[in-house]
Every structure is written in structure tokens, then in C-alpha cells.
Amino acid sequence: MSLFNPWVMLALICAFLGVGAFSYSKGEDAEFDRQQIRIAALNAKARETEQNMANVANTYAETLRKSQNAARTKESKLRADVASGALRLSIPTQSSVCSTSVTAVTAGSDDGETRTEPSGSTDVAADLLQIASDGDSAIRKLNLCIETYQTLKEMK
């Protein structure tokens, strides 16, 4: 039998093609397995990072709650002091001429500054305290948001 027999040549070509196709298929399967392992590792790392970020966010949220509670305590004391008259609201003025809605008083300090006390000062003081409290709360939230963002940005 001759090696140059067309049937032998066809069989050899088919055998080489079969081996090539089998090798390609095995290589493709191996690459798929490597990709799946890499994807699983990246997913595990992403979950860990996500958990760390959640912990940071929870820590900052707890910090905000504590600072808001401390501020509410101070605000409550200020409101109680204003309501009892222990603390009075006065506003500095540049002239001694006052409208009928405010009363001029000389401040107890050494600078002789003229100050005014709004009539119905408890209501005005409560409103001003509320405005200041809302502003302080917003500033605390914003600052904490910025800190949280910076920390999380560095974690990436």
C-alpha cells in the first residue's frame, strides 16, 4: 500500500484536521475556564470593596446622627434659655434711631455699642434659632457628605 494513495492522504488530512479541531476546542474550553475564574475573583473583590464602602458610609451616618443629636441638645437649651428670659436676643445697630418695632438698649459691654431688641423677641429669637439650626444641620450634612465621598473615592 502506498502512502500516496488518495484514501490514505484523505485519512491523514482528516486526522490532522480532527486533532487541530480537538486542540482548538480544548484551548477554547481552557480559556473559558480561566475567564470564569478571573470573573469570580473580580466579583469577590468588588463585593469586598462594596462591603467596605458600606461600612464607611454607615460609620459616617452614625457620626452624623451623633453630631445632629448633640446640636439638638444645644438648640433645646438655647430655646429654653430664650423662652425663660435667661438669654436675650439683641442686634447691633449703627444709629440710635430705631423703628417702633425695636427697642434700643445699651449693651453691657465696654464698647458702648447700641443694640436693639426686637419686640416679641421670643418669637423672633425662636425663628432665628430655627433658621440657624436648619443652616447648621445642612452644613454638617454637606461636610459629612464631602468627607464620605472623599473617603470612598480613595477606596477605589
N, C-alpha and C. Protein backbone atom coordinates (compact mmCIF):
# COMPACT_ATOMS: atom_id res chain seq x y z
N MET A 1 0.84 -1.15 0.00
CA MET A 1 0.00 0.00 0.00
C MET A 1 0.91 1.23 0.00
N SER A 2 0.58 2.17 -0.79
CA SER A 2 1.41 3.35 -0.97
C SER A 2 0.88 4.49 -0.09
N LEU A 3 1.84 5.29 0.39
CA LEU A 3 1.49 6.43 1.23
C LEU A 3 0.79 7.52 0.42
N PHE A 4 0.98 7.45 -0.86
CA PHE A 4 0.37 8.45 -1.72
C PHE A 4 -0.98 8.03 -2.24
N ASN A 5 -1.53 7.01 -1.66
CA ASN A 5 -2.87 6.56 -2.02
C ASN A 5 -3.84 7.68 -1.64
N PRO A 6 -4.77 8.05 -2.53
CA PRO A 6 -5.67 9.16 -2.21
C PRO A 6 -6.48 8.93 -0.94
N TRP A 7 -6.83 7.72 -0.66
CA TRP A 7 -7.63 7.45 0.54
C TRP A 7 -6.78 7.60 1.79
N VAL A 8 -5.56 7.22 1.73
CA VAL A 8 -4.66 7.38 2.88
C VAL A 8 -4.40 8.87 3.11
N MET A 9 -4.16 9.60 2.02
CA MET A 9 -3.95 11.04 2.15
C MET A 9 -5.18 11.74 2.74
N LEU A 10 -6.34 11.34 2.30
CA LEU A 10 -7.57 11.92 2.82
C LEU A 10 -7.74 11.58 4.31
N ALA A 11 -7.40 10.35 4.67
CA ALA A 11 -7.49 9.94 6.08
C ALA A 11 -6.51 10.73 6.94
N LEU A 12 -5.27 10.92 6.42
CA LEU A 12 -4.27 11.70 7.17
C LEU A 12 -4.71 13.16 7.32
N ILE A 13 -5.23 13.74 6.25
CA ILE A 13 -5.71 15.13 6.32
C ILE A 13 -6.85 15.25 7.32
N CYS A 14 -7.77 14.30 7.28
CA CYS A 14 -8.90 14.32 8.23
C CYS A 14 -8.40 14.15 9.66
N ALA A 15 -7.40 13.28 9.83
CA ALA A 15 -6.85 13.07 11.17
C ALA A 15 -6.20 14.35 11.68
N PHE A 16 -5.39 15.02 10.84
CA PHE A 16 -4.76 16.28 11.25
C PHE A 16 -5.79 17.35 11.55
N LEU A 17 -6.81 17.45 10.73
CA LEU A 17 -7.87 18.43 10.97
C LEU A 17 -8.63 18.11 12.26
N GLY A 18 -8.87 16.84 12.49
CA GLY A 18 -9.56 16.43 13.72
C GLY A 18 -8.76 16.75 14.96
N VAL A 19 -7.45 16.46 14.90
CA VAL A 19 -6.57 16.78 16.04
C VAL A 19 -6.52 18.29 16.24
N GLY A 20 -6.43 19.04 15.15
CA GLY A 20 -6.41 20.51 15.26
C GLY A 20 -7.70 21.05 15.86
N ALA A 21 -8.83 20.54 15.38
CA ALA A 21 -10.12 21.00 15.89
C ALA A 21 -10.27 20.63 17.36
N PHE A 22 -9.82 19.40 17.72
CA PHE A 22 -9.90 18.97 19.11
C PHE A 22 -9.02 19.86 20.00
N SER A 23 -7.81 20.17 19.56
CA SER A 23 -6.90 21.03 20.32
C SER A 23 -7.47 22.44 20.47
N TYR A 24 -8.02 22.94 19.38
CA TYR A 24 -8.63 24.28 19.44
C TYR A 24 -9.78 24.29 20.44
N SER A 25 -10.60 23.27 20.40
CA SER A 25 -11.74 23.17 21.30
C SER A 25 -11.27 23.10 22.75
N LYS A 26 -10.24 22.31 23.02
CA LYS A 26 -9.72 22.21 24.40
C LYS A 26 -9.12 23.54 24.85
N GLY A 27 -8.42 24.21 23.96
CA GLY A 27 -7.85 25.52 24.28
C GLY A 27 -8.93 26.54 24.57
N GLU A 28 -10.00 26.48 23.77
CA GLU A 28 -11.12 27.39 23.98
C GLU A 28 -11.78 27.12 25.33
N ASP A 29 -11.94 25.85 25.68
CA ASP A 29 -12.53 25.49 26.98
C ASP A 29 -11.64 25.95 28.13
N ALA A 30 -10.33 25.78 27.96
CA ALA A 30 -9.39 26.20 29.00
C ALA A 30 -9.44 27.72 29.17
N GLU A 31 -9.51 28.46 28.08
CA GLU A 31 -9.60 29.92 28.15
C GLU A 31 -10.90 30.34 28.82
N PHE A 32 -12.00 29.67 28.49
CA PHE A 32 -13.28 29.96 29.12
C PHE A 32 -13.19 29.74 30.64
N ASP A 33 -12.55 28.63 31.04
CA ASP A 33 -12.39 28.35 32.47
C ASP A 33 -11.53 29.42 33.15
N ARG A 34 -10.45 29.84 32.49
CA ARG A 34 -9.60 30.91 33.06
C ARG A 34 -10.40 32.20 33.21
N GLN A 35 -11.22 32.52 32.22
CA GLN A 35 -12.04 33.73 32.29
C GLN A 35 -13.05 33.65 33.44
N GLN A 36 -13.65 32.49 33.62
CA GLN A 36 -14.63 32.32 34.71
C GLN A 36 -13.96 32.48 36.07
N ILE A 37 -12.75 31.95 36.21
CA ILE A 37 -12.01 32.09 37.47
C ILE A 37 -11.67 33.56 37.71
N ARG A 38 -11.25 34.26 36.68
CA ARG A 38 -10.91 35.69 36.79
C ARG A 38 -12.16 36.51 37.14
N ILE A 39 -13.27 36.21 36.50
CA ILE A 39 -14.53 36.91 36.78
C ILE A 39 -14.94 36.68 38.23
N ALA A 40 -14.83 35.44 38.70
CA ALA A 40 -15.19 35.14 40.10
C ALA A 40 -14.29 35.90 41.07
N ALA A 41 -12.99 35.98 40.76
CA ALA A 41 -12.07 36.72 41.63
C ALA A 41 -12.40 38.21 41.63
N LEU A 42 -12.69 38.77 40.47
CA LEU A 42 -13.05 40.19 40.39
C LEU A 42 -14.37 40.46 41.12
N ASN A 43 -15.34 39.56 40.99
CA ASN A 43 -16.60 39.72 41.70
C ASN A 43 -16.40 39.68 43.21
N ALA A 44 -15.54 38.77 43.68
CA ALA A 44 -15.26 38.69 45.12
C ALA A 44 -14.61 39.98 45.61
N LYS A 45 -13.67 40.50 44.82
CA LYS A 45 -13.01 41.76 45.20
C LYS A 45 -14.01 42.91 45.20
N ALA A 46 -14.90 42.95 44.22
CA ALA A 46 -15.91 44.01 44.16
C ALA A 46 -16.87 43.92 45.35
N ARG A 47 -17.26 42.71 45.74
CA ARG A 47 -18.13 42.55 46.91
C ARG A 47 -17.43 43.02 48.18
N GLU A 48 -16.14 42.71 48.30
CA GLU A 48 -15.39 43.15 49.48
C GLU A 48 -15.29 44.67 49.52
N THR A 49 -15.00 45.27 48.38
CA THR A 49 -14.93 46.73 48.30
C THR A 49 -16.28 47.35 48.62
N GLU A 50 -17.34 46.75 48.10
CA GLU A 50 -18.69 47.25 48.36
C GLU A 50 -19.01 47.17 49.85
N GLN A 51 -18.64 46.08 50.50
CA GLN A 51 -18.88 45.95 51.94
C GLN A 51 -18.08 46.98 52.73
N ASN A 52 -16.82 47.21 52.33
CA ASN A 52 -16.01 48.22 53.00
C ASN A 52 -16.61 49.61 52.83
N MET A 53 -17.09 49.89 51.63
CA MET A 53 -17.73 51.19 51.38
C MET A 53 -19.00 51.35 52.19
N ALA A 54 -19.77 50.28 52.30
CA ALA A 54 -20.99 50.33 53.11
C ALA A 54 -20.65 50.57 54.58
N ASN A 55 -19.58 49.95 55.06
CA ASN A 55 -19.15 50.17 56.44
C ASN A 55 -18.73 51.62 56.66
N VAL A 56 -18.00 52.18 55.71
CA VAL A 56 -17.58 53.58 55.81
C VAL A 56 -18.81 54.49 55.82
N ALA A 57 -19.74 54.23 54.91
CA ALA A 57 -20.96 55.05 54.85
C ALA A 57 -21.76 54.94 56.15
N ASN A 58 -21.86 53.74 56.71
CA ASN A 58 -22.57 53.57 57.97
C ASN A 58 -21.87 54.29 59.12
N THR A 59 -20.55 54.25 59.12
CA THR A 59 -19.78 54.95 60.15
C THR A 59 -20.03 56.45 60.07
N TYR A 60 -19.98 57.00 58.85
CA TYR A 60 -20.24 58.43 58.69
C TYR A 60 -21.68 58.78 59.03
N ALA A 61 -22.61 57.90 58.71
CA ALA A 61 -24.01 58.15 59.05
C ALA A 61 -24.19 58.18 60.57
N GLU A 62 -23.51 57.28 61.27
CA GLU A 62 -23.58 57.28 62.74
C GLU A 62 -22.94 58.55 63.30
N THR A 63 -21.85 58.98 62.72
CA THR A 63 -21.21 60.23 63.13
C THR A 63 -22.17 61.40 62.95
N LEU A 64 -22.87 61.42 61.82
CA LEU A 64 -23.84 62.49 61.57
C LEU A 64 -24.96 62.45 62.60
N ARG A 65 -25.47 61.25 62.89
CA ARG A 65 -26.54 61.14 63.90
C ARG A 65 -26.09 61.69 65.25
N LYS A 66 -24.87 61.35 65.64
CA LYS A 66 -24.35 61.82 66.93
C LYS A 66 -24.20 63.34 66.94
N SER A 67 -23.65 63.90 65.86
CA SER A 67 -23.47 65.35 65.83
C SER A 67 -24.82 66.07 65.76
N GLN A 68 -25.79 65.50 65.05
CA GLN A 68 -27.13 66.10 64.98
C GLN A 68 -27.79 66.05 66.36
N ASN A 69 -27.64 64.94 67.08
CA ASN A 69 -28.21 64.85 68.42
C ASN A 69 -27.57 65.84 69.37
N ALA A 70 -26.25 66.01 69.30
CA ALA A 70 -25.57 66.99 70.14
C ALA A 70 -26.04 68.40 69.81
N ALA A 71 -26.22 68.68 68.53
CA ALA A 71 -26.70 70.00 68.11
C ALA A 71 -28.13 70.24 68.59
N ARG A 72 -28.97 69.19 68.52
CA ARG A 72 -30.35 69.34 69.01
C ARG A 72 -30.37 69.64 70.51
N THR A 73 -29.48 69.02 71.25
CA THR A 73 -29.40 69.27 72.70
C THR A 73 -29.03 70.73 72.95
N LYS A 74 -28.03 71.24 72.24
CA LYS A 74 -27.64 72.65 72.39
C LYS A 74 -28.79 73.57 71.97
N GLU A 75 -29.44 73.22 70.87
CA GLU A 75 -30.55 74.04 70.38
C GLU A 75 -31.69 74.06 71.41
N SER A 76 -32.00 72.94 72.00
CA SER A 76 -33.06 72.88 73.00
C SER A 76 -32.72 73.77 74.20
N LYS A 77 -31.45 73.73 74.62
CA LYS A 77 -31.03 74.59 75.74
C LYS A 77 -31.16 76.06 75.36
N LEU A 78 -30.72 76.42 74.16
CA LEU A 78 -30.86 77.81 73.70
C LEU A 78 -32.33 78.24 73.67
N ARG A 79 -33.18 77.39 73.16
CA ARG A 79 -34.61 77.71 73.10
C ARG A 79 -35.19 77.89 74.50
N ALA A 80 -34.80 77.01 75.41
CA ALA A 80 -35.29 77.11 76.79
C ALA A 80 -34.79 78.39 77.45
N ASP A 81 -33.52 78.73 77.19
CA ASP A 81 -32.96 79.96 77.77
C ASP A 81 -33.65 81.20 77.20
N VAL A 82 -33.95 81.20 75.91
CA VAL A 82 -34.65 82.33 75.30
C VAL A 82 -36.07 82.42 75.85
N ALA A 83 -36.74 81.28 75.96
CA ALA A 83 -38.11 81.28 76.46
C ALA A 83 -38.19 81.73 77.92
N SER A 84 -37.18 81.38 78.73
CA SER A 84 -37.20 81.76 80.15
C SER A 84 -36.69 83.18 80.38
N GLY A 85 -36.07 83.76 79.37
CA GLY A 85 -35.54 85.11 79.51
C GLY A 85 -34.09 85.11 79.98
N ALA A 86 -33.50 83.95 80.21
CA ALA A 86 -32.11 83.87 80.64
C ALA A 86 -31.17 84.33 79.52
N LEU A 87 -31.61 84.21 78.29
CA LEU A 87 -30.84 84.64 77.15
C LEU A 87 -31.72 85.57 76.33
N ARG A 88 -31.17 86.75 76.00
CA ARG A 88 -31.95 87.71 75.22
C ARG A 88 -31.26 87.97 73.90
N LEU A 89 -32.07 88.14 72.89
CA LEU A 89 -31.57 88.42 71.55
C LEU A 89 -31.47 89.91 71.36
N SER A 90 -30.29 90.37 70.92
CA SER A 90 -30.14 91.79 70.58
C SER A 90 -29.30 91.87 69.31
N ILE A 91 -29.58 92.90 68.53
CA ILE A 91 -28.93 93.07 67.24
C ILE A 91 -28.20 94.40 67.25
N PRO A 92 -26.91 94.43 66.83
CA PRO A 92 -26.19 95.71 66.82
C PRO A 92 -26.80 96.66 65.78
N THR A 93 -26.83 97.95 66.13
CA THR A 93 -27.33 98.96 65.19
C THR A 93 -26.28 100.03 65.02
N GLN A 94 -26.41 100.79 63.94
CA GLN A 94 -25.44 101.85 63.67
C GLN A 94 -25.94 103.21 64.13
N SER A 95 -27.21 103.32 64.32
CA SER A 95 -27.73 104.62 64.73
C SER A 95 -28.64 104.42 65.92
N SER A 96 -28.84 105.46 66.68
CA SER A 96 -29.70 105.34 67.85
C SER A 96 -31.17 105.51 67.48
N VAL A 97 -31.45 105.85 66.22
CA VAL A 97 -32.82 106.00 65.77
C VAL A 97 -33.34 104.60 65.44
N CYS A 98 -34.41 104.22 66.12
CA CYS A 98 -34.96 102.88 65.93
C CYS A 98 -36.41 102.99 65.49
N SER A 99 -36.85 102.00 64.79
CA SER A 99 -38.25 101.98 64.40
C SER A 99 -39.09 101.58 65.61
N THR A 100 -40.39 101.64 65.47
CA THR A 100 -41.27 101.34 66.60
C THR A 100 -41.29 99.87 66.94
N SER A 101 -40.79 99.00 66.04
CA SER A 101 -40.85 97.57 66.32
C SER A 101 -39.65 97.08 67.13
N VAL A 102 -38.64 97.96 67.35
CA VAL A 102 -37.50 97.55 68.15
C VAL A 102 -37.24 98.57 69.24
N THR A 103 -36.64 98.13 70.31
CA THR A 103 -36.32 99.00 71.43
C THR A 103 -34.81 99.09 71.55
N ALA A 104 -34.26 100.30 71.67
CA ALA A 104 -32.82 100.47 71.77
C ALA A 104 -32.38 100.23 73.20
N VAL A 105 -31.31 99.49 73.35
CA VAL A 105 -30.71 99.24 74.66
C VAL A 105 -29.21 99.36 74.51
N THR A 106 -28.57 99.83 75.55
CA THR A 106 -27.12 99.91 75.53
C THR A 106 -26.58 98.57 76.00
N ALA A 107 -25.68 98.06 75.24
CA ALA A 107 -25.11 96.75 75.58
C ALA A 107 -24.30 96.86 76.86
N GLY A 108 -24.20 95.77 77.57
CA GLY A 108 -23.45 95.76 78.82
C GLY A 108 -21.96 95.68 78.61
N SER A 109 -21.48 95.69 77.38
CA SER A 109 -20.05 95.58 77.14
C SER A 109 -19.39 96.95 77.26
N ASP A 110 -18.09 96.95 77.23
CA ASP A 110 -17.32 98.18 77.40
C ASP A 110 -17.30 99.05 76.16
N ASP A 111 -17.69 98.54 75.03
CA ASP A 111 -17.57 99.32 73.79
C ASP A 111 -18.72 100.31 73.60
N GLY A 112 -19.74 100.31 74.45
CA GLY A 112 -20.84 101.26 74.37
C GLY A 112 -21.66 101.10 73.10
N GLU A 113 -21.65 99.94 72.52
CA GLU A 113 -22.37 99.68 71.28
C GLU A 113 -23.88 99.72 71.52
N THR A 114 -24.60 100.37 70.62
CA THR A 114 -26.06 100.40 70.72
C THR A 114 -26.61 99.17 70.05
N ARG A 115 -27.52 98.49 70.74
CA ARG A 115 -28.11 97.27 70.21
C ARG A 115 -29.62 97.41 70.29
N THR A 116 -30.29 96.65 69.48
CA THR A 116 -31.75 96.67 69.52
C THR A 116 -32.25 95.29 69.91
N GLU A 117 -33.38 95.32 70.54
CA GLU A 117 -34.02 94.06 70.92
C GLU A 117 -35.37 94.03 70.22
N PRO A 118 -35.60 93.07 69.33
CA PRO A 118 -36.87 93.03 68.61
C PRO A 118 -38.04 92.83 69.56
N SER A 119 -39.15 93.50 69.25
CA SER A 119 -40.33 93.28 70.07
C SER A 119 -40.86 91.89 69.77
N GLY A 120 -41.45 91.27 70.75
CA GLY A 120 -41.86 89.88 70.59
C GLY A 120 -40.64 89.01 70.40
N SER A 121 -39.59 89.33 71.16
CA SER A 121 -38.29 88.74 70.89
C SER A 121 -38.25 87.22 71.04
N THR A 122 -39.14 86.64 71.84
CA THR A 122 -39.11 85.17 71.95
C THR A 122 -39.49 84.53 70.64
N ASP A 123 -40.52 85.07 69.97
CA ASP A 123 -40.92 84.51 68.68
C ASP A 123 -39.84 84.74 67.62
N VAL A 124 -39.30 85.95 67.60
CA VAL A 124 -38.25 86.27 66.63
C VAL A 124 -37.02 85.42 66.92
N ALA A 125 -36.65 85.31 68.19
CA ALA A 125 -35.48 84.52 68.56
C ALA A 125 -35.69 83.06 68.20
N ALA A 126 -36.88 82.53 68.43
CA ALA A 126 -37.16 81.14 68.08
C ALA A 126 -37.05 80.93 66.58
N ASP A 127 -37.58 81.90 65.82
CA ASP A 127 -37.48 81.80 64.36
C ASP A 127 -36.02 81.86 63.89
N LEU A 128 -35.25 82.79 64.49
CA LEU A 128 -33.84 82.90 64.12
C LEU A 128 -33.06 81.66 64.53
N LEU A 129 -33.37 81.13 65.71
CA LEU A 129 -32.72 79.89 66.13
C LEU A 129 -33.05 78.74 65.18
N GLN A 130 -34.29 78.69 64.71
CA GLN A 130 -34.68 77.63 63.77
C GLN A 130 -33.93 77.77 62.45
N ILE A 131 -33.83 79.00 61.96
CA ILE A 131 -33.09 79.24 60.71
C ILE A 131 -31.63 78.84 60.88
N ALA A 132 -31.02 79.27 61.99
CA ALA A 132 -29.62 78.93 62.24
C ALA A 132 -29.45 77.42 62.40
N SER A 133 -30.38 76.80 63.08
CA SER A 133 -30.32 75.35 63.28
C SER A 133 -30.42 74.61 61.96
N ASP A 134 -31.35 75.03 61.11
CA ASP A 134 -31.50 74.40 59.80
C ASP A 134 -30.23 74.57 58.96
N GLY A 135 -29.66 75.77 59.01
CA GLY A 135 -28.42 76.03 58.26
C GLY A 135 -27.26 75.19 58.79
N ASP A 136 -27.12 75.14 60.12
CA ASP A 136 -26.05 74.34 60.71
C ASP A 136 -26.21 72.86 60.36
N SER A 137 -27.43 72.38 60.40
CA SER A 137 -27.70 70.98 60.06
C SER A 137 -27.34 70.70 58.61
N ALA A 138 -27.70 71.59 57.72
CA ALA A 138 -27.37 71.41 56.31
C ALA A 138 -25.86 71.42 56.09
N ILE A 139 -25.17 72.30 56.79
CA ILE A 139 -23.71 72.38 56.67
C ILE A 139 -23.06 71.10 57.19
N ARG A 140 -23.54 70.60 58.33
CA ARG A 140 -23.00 69.34 58.87
C ARG A 140 -23.21 68.20 57.87
N LYS A 141 -24.41 68.13 57.30
CA LYS A 141 -24.70 67.07 56.33
C LYS A 141 -23.81 67.20 55.09
N LEU A 142 -23.65 68.41 54.60
CA LEU A 142 -22.83 68.63 53.42
C LEU A 142 -21.37 68.27 53.69
N ASN A 143 -20.84 68.72 54.82
CA ASN A 143 -19.45 68.42 55.15
C ASN A 143 -19.23 66.91 55.29
N LEU A 144 -20.18 66.24 55.93
CA LEU A 144 -20.07 64.80 56.08
C LEU A 144 -20.19 64.09 54.74
N CYS A 145 -21.04 64.61 53.88
CA CYS A 145 -21.18 64.05 52.53
C CYS A 145 -19.87 64.18 51.77
N ILE A 146 -19.23 65.32 51.87
CA ILE A 146 -17.95 65.54 51.19
C ILE A 146 -16.89 64.60 51.75
N GLU A 147 -16.82 64.47 53.08
CA GLU A 147 -15.85 63.56 53.70
C GLU A 147 -16.10 62.12 53.26
N THR A 148 -17.36 61.72 53.24
CA THR A 148 -17.71 60.36 52.82
C THR A 148 -17.30 60.13 51.38
N TYR A 149 -17.61 61.08 50.52
CA TYR A 149 -17.25 60.97 49.10
C TYR A 149 -15.74 60.83 48.94
N GLN A 150 -14.97 61.69 49.63
CA GLN A 150 -13.51 61.63 49.51
C GLN A 150 -12.97 60.29 49.98
N THR A 151 -13.49 59.79 51.09
CA THR A 151 -13.04 58.51 51.62
C THR A 151 -13.37 57.38 50.66
N LEU A 152 -14.59 57.37 50.14
CA LEU A 152 -14.99 56.31 49.21
C LEU A 152 -14.22 56.40 47.90
N LYS A 153 -13.92 57.61 47.47
CA LYS A 153 -13.17 57.81 46.23
C LYS A 153 -11.76 57.23 46.38
N GLU A 154 -11.16 57.41 47.56
CA GLU A 154 -9.82 56.87 47.81
C GLU A 154 -9.82 55.35 47.92
N MET A 155 -10.96 54.76 48.24
CA MET A 155 -11.04 53.30 48.40
C MET A 155 -11.03 52.56 47.08
N LYS A 156 -11.38 53.23 45.99
CA LYS A 156 -11.48 52.55 44.69
C LYS A 156 -10.20 51.91 44.29
